[in-house]
Amino acid sequence: MSEICFNEKSIKYADLIVPMVGCPLGETASDCPFIKFWNCYTFEERIGLLERLTEKDLTSLRLHHRKCVRHRQNVLPIDTKQSDLDALI
């Protein structure tokens, strides 16, 4: 595996790596902008994308992902005990 160098921009948008790999929420909307990144890039290439995409594009991807997460939180029931949440910390 080659060495990966993280810069300020890739660290700032690191939260986009997971949705670039696949939908962390289960079912994916057909218009999800992250679909184009799945199965086409290695981890290293995804890090490189964070560096090459414009701030506008990255911000748009982040907003889409956050809206999707919020929508799923409001629609799907959350059945998690506090002890389960504490175990994650």
Protein backbone atom coordinates (compact mmCIF):
# COMPACT_ATOMS: atom_id res chain seq x y z
CA MET A 1 0.00 0.00 0.00
CA SER A 2 1.33 3.40 -0.88
CA GLU A 3 1.82 6.10 1.70
CA ILE A 4 -1.15 8.43 2.12
CA CYS A 5 -0.53 12.07 2.90
CA PHE A 6 -3.38 14.01 4.45
CA ASN A 7 -3.52 17.74 4.02
CA GLU A 8 -5.76 20.37 5.56
CA LYS A 9 -8.46 19.92 2.90
CA SER A 10 -8.59 16.12 3.13
CA ILE A 11 -8.81 16.36 6.91
CA LYS A 12 -11.55 19.01 6.70
CA TYR A 13 -13.67 16.75 4.48
CA ALA A 14 -12.72 13.38 5.99
CA ASP A 15 -16.38 12.78 6.88
CA LEU A 16 -17.07 12.27 3.17
CA ILE A 17 -14.85 9.18 2.89
CA VAL A 18 -17.48 6.80 4.32
CA PRO A 19 -20.30 7.79 1.94
CA MET A 20 -17.76 7.69 -0.92
CA VAL A 21 -17.23 3.99 -0.14
CA GLY A 22 -20.91 3.10 0.16
CA CYS A 23 -24.13 4.17 1.82
CA PRO A 24 -23.73 3.92 5.59
CA LEU A 25 -27.51 4.20 6.00
CA GLY A 26 -28.72 1.20 4.02
CA GLU A 27 -31.00 1.90 1.09
CA THR A 28 -29.62 4.49 -1.27
CA ALA A 29 -31.67 7.05 -3.15
CA SER A 30 -31.28 6.73 -6.91
CA ASP A 31 -30.13 10.35 -7.15
CA CYS A 32 -27.43 10.01 -4.48
CA PRO A 33 -24.34 11.92 -5.69
CA PHE A 34 -22.02 9.46 -3.93
CA ILE A 35 -22.97 6.51 -6.16
CA LYS A 36 -20.47 7.63 -8.80
CA PHE A 37 -17.61 7.09 -6.33
CA TRP A 38 -18.48 3.51 -5.38
CA ASN A 39 -16.45 0.67 -6.88
CA CYS A 40 -14.46 3.08 -9.03
CA TYR A 41 -11.79 4.26 -6.66
CA THR A 42 -9.33 2.87 -4.14
CA PHE A 43 -9.04 4.43 -0.70
CA GLU A 44 -6.01 6.38 -1.85
CA GLU A 45 -7.89 7.67 -4.90
CA ARG A 46 -10.78 8.80 -2.70
CA ILE A 47 -8.36 10.81 -0.56
CA GLY A 48 -7.03 12.31 -3.78
CA LEU A 49 -10.56 13.23 -4.83
CA LEU A 50 -10.96 15.24 -1.67
CA GLU A 51 -7.95 17.24 -2.76
CA ARG A 52 -9.06 17.63 -6.39
CA LEU A 53 -12.76 18.39 -6.01
CA THR A 54 -13.67 22.02 -5.51
CA GLU A 55 -14.73 23.35 -2.12
CA LYS A 56 -18.15 24.00 -3.68
CA ASP A 57 -18.50 20.36 -4.78
CA LEU A 58 -17.31 19.03 -1.42
CA THR A 59 -19.66 21.32 0.46
CA SER A 60 -22.53 20.19 -1.74
CA LEU A 61 -21.69 16.52 -1.06
CA ARG A 62 -21.48 17.21 2.66
CA LEU A 63 -24.84 19.01 2.69
CA HIS A 64 -26.47 16.16 0.78
CA HIS A 65 -25.09 13.58 3.20
CA ARG A 66 -26.16 15.55 6.28
CA LYS A 67 -29.68 16.07 4.90
CA CYS A 68 -29.91 12.35 4.20
CA VAL A 69 -28.76 11.45 7.72
CA ARG A 70 -31.21 13.92 9.28
CA HIS A 71 -34.04 12.58 7.13
CA ARG A 72 -33.28 9.01 8.16
CA GLN A 73 -33.09 10.02 11.84
CA ASN A 74 -36.53 11.62 11.64
CA VAL A 75 -38.13 8.76 9.71
CA LEU A 76 -36.52 5.68 11.21
CA PRO A 77 -37.17 4.76 14.84
CA ILE A 78 -34.13 4.86 17.06
CA ASP A 79 -34.12 1.94 19.48
CA THR A 80 -30.83 2.44 21.27
CA LYS A 81 -30.25 2.20 25.00
CA GLN A 82 -27.95 4.71 26.67
CA SER A 83 -25.59 1.86 27.62
CA ASP A 84 -25.20 1.01 23.91
CA LEU A 85 -24.34 4.63 23.14
CA ASP A 86 -21.85 4.77 26.03
CA ALA A 87 -20.11 1.69 24.64
CA LEU A 88 -19.41 3.55 21.42
CA ILE A 89 -17.55 6.36 23.18
